[in-house]
């Protein structure tokens, strides 16, 4: 065997194997590598999009939370105003009721006082008539009249 012939045979086998590999083996490997690279690129793009969406969602959630707080503050403020208005109305109603009750009590007191005065006048008139009757039935005596007048005064 000759070294040149062996070398030549090995070169021929190498080129045949290299040609076969380039034609039948290399394209599926390259296709698989390209598909994997595309999947990785798609994954990175999806991650970037997800990161952007997350930032947008966080911003939107923060904005919604701020709006909810403002709405709650407005609602609380409205409720406080309404409560203050109800308290003021209740206070005004109570003042009116107290004034009406005071006026009714004063009217009743004045009426009772007037009735008491009229009853007292009537009683005084009865006593005066009774006193005059006693004076007229007895004889005219200054000492007796003075005594009757003293009794009349004590009864009044």
C-alpha atoms as a PDB file:
ATOM      1  CA  UNK A   1       0.000   0.000   0.000  1.00  0.00           C
ATOM      2  CA  UNK A   2       1.079   3.276  -0.940  1.00  0.00           C
ATOM      3  CA  UNK A   3       0.727   6.327   1.235  1.00  0.00           C
ATOM      4  CA  UNK A   4      -0.487   8.452  -1.619  1.00  0.00           C
ATOM      5  CA  UNK A   5      -3.187   6.010  -2.616  1.00  0.00           C
ATOM      6  CA  UNK A   6      -4.355   5.757   1.003  1.00  0.00           C
ATOM      7  CA  UNK A   7      -4.352   9.487   1.387  1.00  0.00           C
ATOM      8  CA  UNK A   8      -6.228   9.866  -1.887  1.00  0.00           C
ATOM      9  CA  UNK A   9      -8.803   7.226  -0.841  1.00  0.00           C
ATOM     10  CA  UNK A  10      -9.278   8.926   2.515  1.00  0.00           C
ATOM     11  CA  UNK A  11      -9.744  12.290   0.763  1.00  0.00           C
ATOM     12  CA  UNK A  12     -12.386  10.823  -1.515  1.00  0.00           C
ATOM     13  CA  UNK A  13     -14.211   9.205   1.401  1.00  0.00           C
ATOM     14  CA  UNK A  14     -13.955  12.484   3.384  1.00  0.00           C
ATOM     15  CA  UNK A  15     -15.460  14.545   0.560  1.00  0.00           C
ATOM     16  CA  UNK A  16     -18.218  12.001  -0.021  1.00  0.00           C
ATOM     17  CA  UNK A  17     -19.014  12.034   3.705  1.00  0.00           C
ATOM     18  CA  UNK A  18     -18.789  15.844   3.824  1.00  0.00           C
ATOM     19  CA  UNK A  19     -21.102  16.143   0.792  1.00  0.00           C
ATOM     20  CA  UNK A  20     -23.584  13.661   2.258  1.00  0.00           C
ATOM     21  CA  UNK A  21     -23.497  15.485   5.608  1.00  0.00           C
ATOM     22  CA  UNK A  22     -23.957  18.914   3.995  1.00  0.00           C
ATOM     23  CA  UNK A  23     -26.817  17.704   1.847  1.00  0.00           C
ATOM     24  CA  UNK A  24     -28.782  15.467   4.283  1.00  0.00           C
ATOM     25  CA  UNK A  25     -27.595  16.088   7.888  1.00  0.00           C
ATOM     26  CA  UNK A  26     -26.659  19.763   7.990  1.00  0.00           C
ATOM     27  CA  UNK A  27     -30.026  21.299   6.863  1.00  0.00           C
ATOM     28  CA  UNK A  28     -32.167  19.647   9.606  1.00  0.00           C
ATOM     29  CA  UNK A  29     -29.617  20.669  12.247  1.00  0.00           C
ATOM     30  CA  UNK A  30     -29.573  24.268  10.968  1.00  0.00           C
ATOM     31  CA  UNK A  31     -33.363  24.280  10.789  1.00  0.00           C
ATOM     32  CA  UNK A  32     -33.588  23.072  14.417  1.00  0.00           C
ATOM     33  CA  UNK A  33     -31.046  25.717  15.506  1.00  0.00           C
ATOM     34  CA  UNK A  34     -32.957  28.464  13.662  1.00  0.00           C
ATOM     35  CA  UNK A  35     -36.252  27.329  15.203  1.00  0.00           C
ATOM     36  CA  UNK A  36     -34.658  27.328  18.663  1.00  0.00           C
ATOM     37  CA  UNK A  37     -33.199  30.796  18.100  1.00  0.00           C
ATOM     38  CA  UNK A  38     -36.636  32.012  16.933  1.00  0.00           C
ATOM     39  CA  UNK A  39     -38.305  30.503  20.034  1.00  0.00           C
ATOM     40  CA  UNK A  40     -35.744  32.192  22.274  1.00  0.00           C
ATOM     41  CA  UNK A  41     -36.287  35.524  20.486  1.00  0.00           C
ATOM     42  CA  UNK A  42     -40.076  35.107  20.783  1.00  0.00           C
ATOM     43  CA  UNK A  43     -39.696  34.278  24.485  1.00  0.00           C
ATOM     44  CA  UNK A  44     -37.541  37.372  25.067  1.00  0.00           C
ATOM     45  CA  UNK A  45     -40.040  39.524  23.182  1.00  0.00           C
ATOM     46  CA  UNK A  46     -42.909  38.055  25.203  1.00  0.00           C
ATOM     47  CA  UNK A  47     -40.956  38.706  28.418  1.00  0.00           C
ATOM     48  CA  UNK A  48     -40.365  42.328  27.391  1.00  0.00           C
ATOM     49  CA  UNK A  49     -44.038  42.700  26.470  1.00  0.00           C
ATOM     50  CA  UNK A  50     -45.061  41.115  29.774  1.00  0.00           C
ATOM     51  CA  UNK A  51     -42.753  43.483  31.636  1.00  0.00           C
ATOM     52  CA  UNK A  52     -44.279  46.454  29.809  1.00  0.00           C
ATOM     53  CA  UNK A  53     -47.804  45.155  30.451  1.00  0.00           C
ATOM     54  CA  UNK A  54     -46.948  44.651  34.123  1.00  0.00           C
ATOM     55  CA  UNK A  55     -45.665  48.205  34.438  1.00  0.00           C
ATOM     56  CA  UNK A  56     -48.793  49.478  32.663  1.00  0.00           C
ATOM     57  CA  UNK A  57     -51.042  47.351  34.896  1.00  0.00           C
ATOM     58  CA  UNK A  58     -49.261  48.601  38.029  1.00  0.00           C
ATOM     59  CA  UNK A  59     -49.659  52.198  36.854  1.00  0.00           C
ATOM     60  CA  UNK A  60     -53.324  51.603  36.088  1.00  0.00           C
ATOM     61  CA  UNK A  61     -53.874  49.896  39.463  1.00  0.00           C
ATOM     62  CA  UNK A  62     -52.193  52.823  41.231  1.00  0.00           C
ATOM     63  CA  UNK A  63     -54.416  55.252  39.339  1.00  0.00           C
ATOM     64  CA  UNK A  64     -57.554  53.243  40.180  1.00  0.00           C
ATOM     65  CA  UNK A  65     -56.511  53.096  43.834  1.00  0.00           C
ATOM     66  CA  UNK A  66     -56.001  56.872  43.852  1.00  0.00           C
ATOM     67  CA  UNK A  67     -59.423  57.376  42.280  1.00  0.00           C
ATOM     68  CA  UNK A  68     -60.995  55.014  44.811  1.00  0.00           C
ATOM     69  CA  UNK A  69     -59.373  56.930  47.678  1.00  0.00           C
ATOM     70  CA  UNK A  70     -60.593  60.237  46.264  1.00  0.00           C
ATOM     71  CA  UNK A  71     -64.067  58.800  45.820  1.00  0.00           C
ATOM     72  CA  UNK A  72     -64.047  57.468  49.375  1.00  0.00           C
ATOM     73  CA  UNK A  73     -62.886  60.853  50.665  1.00  0.00           C
ATOM     74  CA  UNK A  74     -65.671  62.611  48.742  1.00  0.00           C
ATOM     75  CA  UNK A  75     -68.199  60.080  50.011  1.00  0.00           C
ATOM     76  CA  UNK A  76     -66.973  60.502  53.591  1.00  0.00           C
ATOM     77  CA  UNK A  77     -67.072  64.282  53.232  1.00  0.00           C
ATOM     78  CA  UNK A  78     -70.624  64.109  51.880  1.00  0.00           C
ATOM     79  CA  UNK A  79     -71.655  61.796  54.709  1.00  0.00           C
ATOM     80  CA  UNK A  80     -70.114  64.147  57.279  1.00  0.00           C
ATOM     81  CA  UNK A  81     -71.948  67.108  55.746  1.00  0.00           C
ATOM     82  CA  UNK A  82     -75.205  65.166  55.737  1.00  0.00           C
ATOM     83  CA  UNK A  83     -74.662  64.100  59.359  1.00  0.00           C
ATOM     84  CA  UNK A  84     -73.942  67.704  60.361  1.00  0.00           C
ATOM     85  CA  UNK A  85     -77.080  68.812  58.520  1.00  0.00           C
ATOM     86  CA  UNK A  86     -79.159  66.125  60.269  1.00  0.00           C
ATOM     87  CA  UNK A  87     -77.743  67.156  63.642  1.00  0.00           C
ATOM     88  CA  UNK A  88     -78.528  70.798  62.885  1.00  0.00           C
ATOM     89  CA  UNK A  89     -82.070  69.902  61.811  1.00  0.00           C
ATOM     90  CA  UNK A  90     -82.549  67.824  64.962  1.00  0.00           C
ATOM     91  CA  UNK A  91     -81.201  70.711  67.043  1.00  0.00           C
ATOM     92  CA  UNK A  92     -83.594  73.132  65.328  1.00  0.00           C
ATOM     93  CA  UNK A  93     -86.507  70.730  65.811  1.00  0.00           C
ATOM     94  CA  UNK A  94     -85.608  70.316  69.481  1.00  0.00           C
ATOM     95  CA  UNK A  95     -85.399  74.111  69.880  1.00  0.00           C
ATOM     96  CA  UNK A  96     -88.833  74.516  68.286  1.00  0.00           C
ATOM     97  CA  UNK A  97     -90.311  71.765  70.471  1.00  0.00           C
ATOM     98  CA  UNK A  98     -88.792  73.290  73.613  1.00  0.00           C
ATOM     99  CA  UNK A  99     -90.051  76.759  72.646  1.00  0.00           C
ATOM    100  CA  UNK A 100     -93.530  75.359  71.987  1.00  0.00           C
ATOM    101  CA  UNK A 101     -93.508  73.461  75.288  1.00  0.00           C
ATOM    102  CA  UNK A 102     -92.275  76.570  77.142  1.00  0.00           C
ATOM    103  CA  UNK A 103     -94.969  78.680  75.499  1.00  0.00           C
ATOM    104  CA  UNK A 104     -97.615  76.080  76.360  1.00  0.00           C
ATOM    105  CA  UNK A 105     -96.342  75.914  79.953  1.00  0.00           C
ATOM    106  CA  UNK A 106     -96.334  79.714  80.239  1.00  0.00           C
ATOM    107  CA  UNK A 107     -99.847  79.867  78.810  1.00  0.00           C
ATOM    108  CA  UNK A 108    -100.986  77.141  81.196  1.00  0.00           C
ATOM    109  CA  UNK A 109     -99.281  78.896  84.111  1.00  0.00           C
ATOM    110  CA  UNK A 110    -100.890  82.211  83.177  1.00  0.00           C
ATOM    111  CA  UNK A 111    -104.256  80.499  82.800  1.00  0.00           C
ATOM    112  CA  UNK A 112    -103.850  78.736  86.156  1.00  0.00           C
ATOM    113  CA  UNK A 113    -102.792  82.017  87.759  1.00  0.00           C
ATOM    114  CA  UNK A 114    -105.820  83.763  86.275  1.00  0.00           C
ATOM    115  CA  UNK A 115    -108.123  80.974  87.525  1.00  0.00           C
ATOM    116  CA  UNK A 116    -106.518  81.161  90.974  1.00  0.00           C
ATOM    117  CA  UNK A 117    -107.014  84.958  91.024  1.00  0.00           C
ATOM    118  CA  UNK A 118    -110.638  84.600  89.996  1.00  0.00           C
ATOM    119  CA  UNK A 119    -111.203  81.896  92.618  1.00  0.00           C
ATOM    120  CA  UNK A 120    -109.515  84.108  95.216  1.00  0.00           C
ATOM    121  CA  UNK A 121    -111.665  87.085  94.234  1.00  0.00           C
ATOM    122  CA  UNK A 122    -114.760  84.953  94.450  1.00  0.00           C
ATOM    123  CA  UNK A 123    -113.699  83.661  97.844  1.00  0.00           C
ATOM    124  CA  UNK A 124    -112.879  87.212  99.008  1.00  0.00           C
ATOM    125  CA  UNK A 125    -116.281  88.368  97.782  1.00  0.00           C
ATOM    126  CA  UNK A 126    -117.965  85.523  99.645  1.00  0.00           C
ATOM    127  CA  UNK A 127    -115.999  86.393 102.767  1.00  0.00           C
ATOM    128  CA  UNK A 128    -116.874  90.071 102.388  1.00  0.00           C
ATOM    129  CA  UNK A 129    -120.533  89.212 101.990  1.00  0.00           C
ATOM    130  CA  UNK A 130    -120.321  86.861 104.964  1.00  0.00           C
ATOM    131  CA  UNK A 131    -118.532  89.509 106.993  1.00  0.00           C
ATOM    132  CA  UNK A 132    -121.072  92.167 106.051  1.00  0.00           C
ATOM    133  CA  UNK A 133    -123.863  89.782 106.910  1.00  0.00           C
ATOM    134  CA  UNK A 134    -122.381  89.135 110.350  1.00  0.00           C
ATOM    135  CA  UNK A 135    -121.879  92.850 110.897  1.00  0.00           C
ATOM    136  CA  UNK A 136    -125.423  93.646 109.910  1.00  0.00           C
ATOM    137  CA  UNK A 137    -126.933  90.916 112.093  1.00  0.00           C
ATOM    138  CA  UNK A 138    -125.277  92.180 115.209  1.00  0.00           C
ATOM    139  CA  UNK A 139    -125.719  95.505 116.731  1.00  0.00           C
ATOM    140  CA  UNK A 140    -123.377  98.221 115.853  1.00  0.00           C
ATOM    141  CA  UNK A 141    -120.508  98.004 118.238  1.00  0.00           C
ATOM    142  CA  UNK A 142    -117.051  99.352 117.379  1.00  0.00           C
ATOM    143  CA  UNK A 143    -115.218  96.694 119.331  1.00  0.00           C
ATOM    144  CA  UNK A 144    -117.270  93.906 117.770  1.00  0.00           C
ATOM    145  CA  UNK A 145    -116.794  95.379 114.306  1.00  0.00           C
ATOM    146  CA  UNK A 146    -113.053  95.633 114.863  1.00  0.00           C
ATOM    147  CA  UNK A 147    -113.002  92.017 115.962  1.00  0.00           C
ATOM    148  CA  UNK A 148    -114.955  90.920 112.865  1.00  0.00           C
ATOM    149  CA  UNK A 149    -112.660  92.937 110.601  1.00  0.00           C
ATOM    150  CA  UNK A 150    -109.629  91.286 112.238  1.00  0.00           C
ATOM    151  CA  UNK A 151    -111.129  87.860 111.603  1.00  0.00           C
ATOM    152  CA  UNK A 152    -111.894  88.871 108.005  1.00  0.00           C
ATOM    153  CA  UNK A 153    -108.290  90.013 107.497  1.00  0.00           C
ATOM    154  CA  UNK A 154    -106.953  86.780 108.898  1.00  0.00           C
ATOM    155  CA  UNK A 155    -109.181  84.771 106.535  1.00  0.00           C
ATOM    156  CA  UNK A 156    -107.928  86.758 103.530  1.00  0.00           C
END
